[in-house]
Amino acid sequence: MTGRVQGKVISITPTGDLVTDITASQLSGLPDGEARKTDAVRVVVDEHETIGIFGDDHAQPAMTLIAILGNDGALRLHLVSDSAAMMLGVRVSAPVEVSW
């Protein structure tokens, strides 16, 4: 089964995370478990791409762009140890697409 959800960046956190309007319920068809963290899941924000969706407890290395489906239920893009908004130049209303 394949799926796709489109949304946009709706806010930027003080630390530079890109918060989207894509919710956990919209992503209910995603692969489960470790498969969710592989190239079976692709997230694109503006022209930047990352693979997989992680939880708040990720252990990814510094300067890695990751998608996080946090405890708050919103998908956000996070640059480990830095500001995704500043480093990528992404602003509010930028398009976001998740596909699997």
N, C-alpha and C. Protein backbone atom coordinates (compact mmCIF):
# COMPACT_ATOMS: atom_id res chain seq x y z
N MET A 1 0.84 -1.18 0.00
CA MET A 1 0.00 0.00 0.00
C MET A 1 0.89 1.24 0.00
N THR A 2 0.53 2.21 -0.79
CA THR A 2 1.27 3.46 -0.80
C THR A 2 0.34 4.60 -0.41
N GLY A 3 0.94 5.63 0.10
CA GLY A 3 0.14 6.77 0.49
C GLY A 3 0.91 8.06 0.34
N ARG A 4 0.16 9.15 0.42
CA ARG A 4 0.78 10.47 0.33
C ARG A 4 -0.09 11.46 1.10
N VAL A 5 0.58 12.33 1.86
CA VAL A 5 -0.10 13.41 2.57
C VAL A 5 0.64 14.69 2.26
N GLN A 6 -0.11 15.72 1.91
CA GLN A 6 0.49 17.02 1.64
C GLN A 6 0.02 18.01 2.68
N GLY A 7 0.92 18.90 3.04
CA GLY A 7 0.60 19.94 4.01
C GLY A 7 1.54 21.11 3.83
N LYS A 8 1.73 21.85 4.92
CA LYS A 8 2.64 23.00 4.86
C LYS A 8 3.20 23.28 6.25
N VAL A 9 4.25 24.06 6.28
CA VAL A 9 4.82 24.52 7.54
C VAL A 9 3.89 25.60 8.09
N ILE A 10 3.48 25.43 9.34
CA ILE A 10 2.55 26.40 9.93
C ILE A 10 3.21 27.28 11.00
N SER A 11 4.35 26.83 11.52
CA SER A 11 5.07 27.65 12.50
C SER A 11 6.49 27.16 12.62
N ILE A 12 7.29 28.00 13.26
CA ILE A 12 8.69 27.67 13.52
C ILE A 12 8.91 27.83 15.03
N THR A 13 9.46 26.80 15.65
CA THR A 13 9.68 26.85 17.09
C THR A 13 10.87 27.78 17.39
N PRO A 14 11.03 28.19 18.64
CA PRO A 14 12.18 29.03 19.01
C PRO A 14 13.54 28.37 18.70
N THR A 15 13.57 27.04 18.66
CA THR A 15 14.83 26.34 18.34
C THR A 15 15.00 26.08 16.85
N GLY A 16 14.01 26.50 16.03
CA GLY A 16 14.14 26.38 14.58
C GLY A 16 13.49 25.17 13.96
N ASP A 17 12.73 24.38 14.73
CA ASP A 17 12.00 23.27 14.14
C ASP A 17 10.87 23.80 13.27
N LEU A 18 10.57 23.08 12.19
CA LEU A 18 9.50 23.45 11.27
C LEU A 18 8.28 22.62 11.60
N VAL A 19 7.27 23.22 12.19
CA VAL A 19 6.05 22.53 12.59
C VAL A 19 5.08 22.55 11.41
N THR A 20 4.53 21.38 11.09
CA THR A 20 3.62 21.28 9.95
C THR A 20 2.18 21.12 10.41
N ASP A 21 1.28 21.21 9.46
CA ASP A 21 -0.13 20.96 9.74
C ASP A 21 -0.50 19.51 9.49
N ILE A 22 0.48 18.64 9.32
CA ILE A 22 0.25 17.21 9.12
C ILE A 22 0.20 16.54 10.49
N THR A 23 -0.88 15.80 10.73
CA THR A 23 -1.10 15.19 12.04
C THR A 23 -0.90 13.68 12.01
N ALA A 24 -0.77 13.12 13.20
CA ALA A 24 -0.61 11.67 13.33
C ALA A 24 -1.77 10.91 12.69
N SER A 25 -2.97 11.42 12.82
CA SER A 25 -4.12 10.72 12.24
C SER A 25 -4.05 10.68 10.71
N GLN A 26 -3.47 11.71 10.09
CA GLN A 26 -3.30 11.71 8.64
C GLN A 26 -2.25 10.69 8.19
N LEU A 27 -1.38 10.30 9.11
CA LEU A 27 -0.29 9.38 8.78
C LEU A 27 -0.56 7.97 9.30
N SER A 28 -1.81 7.65 9.54
CA SER A 28 -2.16 6.35 10.12
C SER A 28 -1.77 5.17 9.24
N GLY A 29 -1.58 5.37 7.94
CA GLY A 29 -1.21 4.29 7.04
C GLY A 29 0.28 4.05 6.91
N LEU A 30 1.09 4.79 7.67
CA LEU A 30 2.54 4.63 7.60
C LEU A 30 2.97 3.23 8.03
N PRO A 31 4.12 2.76 7.53
CA PRO A 31 4.65 1.49 8.03
C PRO A 31 4.87 1.57 9.55
N ASP A 32 4.83 0.42 10.20
CA ASP A 32 5.00 0.36 11.64
C ASP A 32 6.45 0.11 12.05
N GLY A 33 6.75 0.40 13.28
CA GLY A 33 8.04 0.07 13.89
C GLY A 33 9.23 0.64 13.16
N GLU A 34 10.25 -0.19 13.04
CA GLU A 34 11.51 0.24 12.42
C GLU A 34 11.35 0.59 10.95
N ALA A 35 10.37 0.00 10.27
CA ALA A 35 10.14 0.30 8.85
C ALA A 35 9.81 1.77 8.65
N ARG A 36 9.25 2.41 9.68
CA ARG A 36 8.91 3.83 9.60
C ARG A 36 10.17 4.69 9.52
N LYS A 37 11.31 4.15 9.94
CA LYS A 37 12.55 4.91 9.99
C LYS A 37 13.46 4.63 8.79
N THR A 38 12.92 4.00 7.75
CA THR A 38 13.72 3.63 6.58
C THR A 38 13.29 4.43 5.36
N ASP A 39 13.92 4.09 4.23
CA ASP A 39 13.58 4.80 2.99
C ASP A 39 12.21 4.42 2.45
N ALA A 40 11.45 3.62 3.22
CA ALA A 40 10.06 3.35 2.85
C ALA A 40 9.20 4.59 3.05
N VAL A 41 9.72 5.55 3.83
CA VAL A 41 9.00 6.79 4.12
C VAL A 41 9.88 7.96 3.70
N ARG A 42 9.31 8.85 2.91
CA ARG A 42 10.04 10.01 2.39
C ARG A 42 9.30 11.28 2.78
N VAL A 43 10.04 12.28 3.31
CA VAL A 43 9.45 13.55 3.70
C VAL A 43 10.20 14.66 2.97
N VAL A 44 9.46 15.51 2.28
CA VAL A 44 10.04 16.63 1.53
C VAL A 44 9.44 17.93 2.06
N VAL A 45 10.31 18.87 2.42
CA VAL A 45 9.87 20.20 2.81
C VAL A 45 10.58 21.18 1.89
N ASP A 46 9.80 22.00 1.18
CA ASP A 46 10.36 22.88 0.17
C ASP A 46 11.13 22.00 -0.80
N GLU A 47 12.43 22.16 -0.98
CA GLU A 47 13.16 21.25 -1.86
C GLU A 47 14.08 20.31 -1.08
N HIS A 48 13.93 20.23 0.22
CA HIS A 48 14.78 19.41 1.07
C HIS A 48 14.08 18.10 1.42
N GLU A 49 14.84 17.00 1.35
CA GLU A 49 14.26 15.68 1.57
C GLU A 49 14.95 14.96 2.72
N THR A 50 14.16 14.21 3.48
CA THR A 50 14.70 13.33 4.50
C THR A 50 13.95 12.01 4.44
N ILE A 51 14.55 11.01 5.01
CA ILE A 51 14.00 9.66 4.96
C ILE A 51 13.59 9.23 6.36
N GLY A 52 12.41 8.66 6.48
CA GLY A 52 11.94 8.12 7.75
C GLY A 52 11.26 9.16 8.62
N ILE A 53 10.53 8.65 9.59
CA ILE A 53 9.89 9.48 10.61
C ILE A 53 10.24 8.88 11.96
N PHE A 54 10.73 9.71 12.85
CA PHE A 54 11.22 9.28 14.14
C PHE A 54 10.34 9.83 15.26
N GLY A 55 10.56 9.34 16.47
CA GLY A 55 9.89 9.86 17.65
C GLY A 55 10.78 10.88 18.33
N ASP A 56 10.27 11.49 19.38
CA ASP A 56 11.05 12.47 20.14
C ASP A 56 12.32 11.86 20.73
N ASP A 57 12.35 10.55 20.89
CA ASP A 57 13.49 9.88 21.52
C ASP A 57 14.55 9.40 20.52
N HIS A 58 14.62 10.02 19.36
CA HIS A 58 15.58 9.61 18.33
C HIS A 58 17.02 9.72 18.84
N ALA A 59 17.93 9.04 18.17
CA ALA A 59 19.35 9.12 18.52
C ALA A 59 20.17 9.44 17.27
N GLN A 60 19.67 10.35 16.46
CA GLN A 60 20.34 10.69 15.21
C GLN A 60 21.50 11.65 15.47
N PRO A 61 22.53 11.60 14.63
CA PRO A 61 23.71 12.45 14.84
C PRO A 61 23.45 13.92 14.53
N ALA A 62 24.31 14.76 15.06
CA ALA A 62 24.23 16.21 14.84
C ALA A 62 24.20 16.53 13.35
N MET A 63 23.47 17.59 13.02
CA MET A 63 23.34 18.12 11.66
C MET A 63 22.59 17.19 10.71
N THR A 64 21.78 16.30 11.26
CA THR A 64 20.93 15.42 10.47
C THR A 64 19.52 16.00 10.45
N LEU A 65 18.96 16.17 9.25
CA LEU A 65 17.59 16.61 9.12
C LEU A 65 16.68 15.40 9.28
N ILE A 66 15.77 15.47 10.24
CA ILE A 66 14.85 14.36 10.47
C ILE A 66 13.42 14.88 10.61
N ALA A 67 12.49 14.00 10.30
CA ALA A 67 11.07 14.27 10.56
C ALA A 67 10.72 13.58 11.86
N ILE A 68 10.00 14.30 12.71
CA ILE A 68 9.61 13.76 14.01
C ILE A 68 8.09 13.84 14.14
N LEU A 69 7.51 12.72 14.50
CA LEU A 69 6.10 12.71 14.87
C LEU A 69 6.10 12.63 16.39
N GLY A 70 6.02 13.78 17.01
CA GLY A 70 6.20 13.89 18.45
C GLY A 70 4.96 13.52 19.24
N ASN A 71 5.11 13.61 20.54
CA ASN A 71 4.02 13.29 21.45
C ASN A 71 2.83 14.23 21.29
N ASP A 72 3.08 15.41 20.71
CA ASP A 72 1.98 16.36 20.50
C ASP A 72 1.13 16.02 19.28
N GLY A 73 1.56 15.03 18.48
CA GLY A 73 0.78 14.58 17.33
C GLY A 73 1.00 15.33 16.05
N ALA A 74 1.90 16.32 16.06
CA ALA A 74 2.18 17.09 14.84
C ALA A 74 3.52 16.65 14.25
N LEU A 75 3.58 16.57 12.94
CA LEU A 75 4.84 16.27 12.26
C LEU A 75 5.67 17.54 12.21
N ARG A 76 6.95 17.41 12.55
CA ARG A 76 7.85 18.56 12.47
C ARG A 76 9.18 18.11 11.89
N LEU A 77 9.86 19.05 11.26
CA LEU A 77 11.18 18.81 10.71
C LEU A 77 12.19 19.43 11.65
N HIS A 78 13.21 18.66 11.98
CA HIS A 78 14.17 19.04 13.02
C HIS A 78 15.58 18.82 12.48
N LEU A 79 16.44 19.78 12.66
CA LEU A 79 17.86 19.62 12.34
C LEU A 79 18.57 19.41 13.66
N VAL A 80 19.10 18.21 13.87
CA VAL A 80 19.70 17.85 15.15
C VAL A 80 20.83 18.83 15.48
N SER A 81 20.75 19.45 16.63
CA SER A 81 21.75 20.38 17.18
C SER A 81 21.82 21.72 16.45
N ASP A 82 20.82 22.05 15.64
CA ASP A 82 20.83 23.34 14.96
C ASP A 82 19.40 23.74 14.57
N SER A 83 19.27 24.85 13.89
CA SER A 83 17.98 25.37 13.46
C SER A 83 17.68 24.95 12.02
N ALA A 84 16.65 24.14 11.84
CA ALA A 84 16.26 23.74 10.48
C ALA A 84 15.82 24.96 9.68
N ALA A 85 15.08 25.86 10.30
CA ALA A 85 14.59 27.05 9.59
C ALA A 85 15.76 27.88 9.06
N MET A 86 16.75 28.11 9.90
CA MET A 86 17.87 28.95 9.50
C MET A 86 18.77 28.25 8.47
N MET A 87 19.12 27.01 8.73
CA MET A 87 20.05 26.31 7.85
C MET A 87 19.44 26.01 6.47
N LEU A 88 18.14 25.74 6.43
CA LEU A 88 17.50 25.38 5.17
C LEU A 88 16.85 26.57 4.48
N GLY A 89 16.64 27.65 5.21
CA GLY A 89 15.98 28.81 4.63
C GLY A 89 14.50 28.58 4.37
N VAL A 90 13.89 27.68 5.14
CA VAL A 90 12.48 27.36 4.96
C VAL A 90 11.64 28.28 5.84
N ARG A 91 10.54 28.75 5.29
CA ARG A 91 9.66 29.68 5.99
C ARG A 91 8.25 29.09 6.16
N VAL A 92 7.48 29.75 7.00
CA VAL A 92 6.08 29.37 7.18
C VAL A 92 5.38 29.39 5.82
N SER A 93 4.55 28.43 5.58
CA SER A 93 3.75 28.18 4.37
C SER A 93 4.50 27.36 3.32
N ALA A 94 5.74 26.96 3.59
CA ALA A 94 6.47 26.10 2.64
C ALA A 94 5.74 24.76 2.54
N PRO A 95 5.69 24.18 1.34
CA PRO A 95 5.00 22.89 1.17
C PRO A 95 5.76 21.74 1.82
N VAL A 96 4.98 20.77 2.30
CA VAL A 96 5.53 19.55 2.91
C VAL A 96 4.77 18.38 2.32
N GLU A 97 5.49 17.31 1.98
CA GLU A 97 4.84 16.10 1.49
C GLU A 97 5.47 14.88 2.14
N VAL A 98 4.62 13.99 2.61
CA VAL A 98 5.05 12.70 3.15
C VAL A 98 4.53 11.63 2.21
N SER A 99 5.41 10.73 1.79
CA SER A 99 4.96 9.62 0.93
C SER A 99 5.55 8.32 1.41
N TRP A 100 4.82 7.25 1.19
CA TRP A 100 5.26 5.91 1.59
C TRP A 100 4.67 4.87 0.67
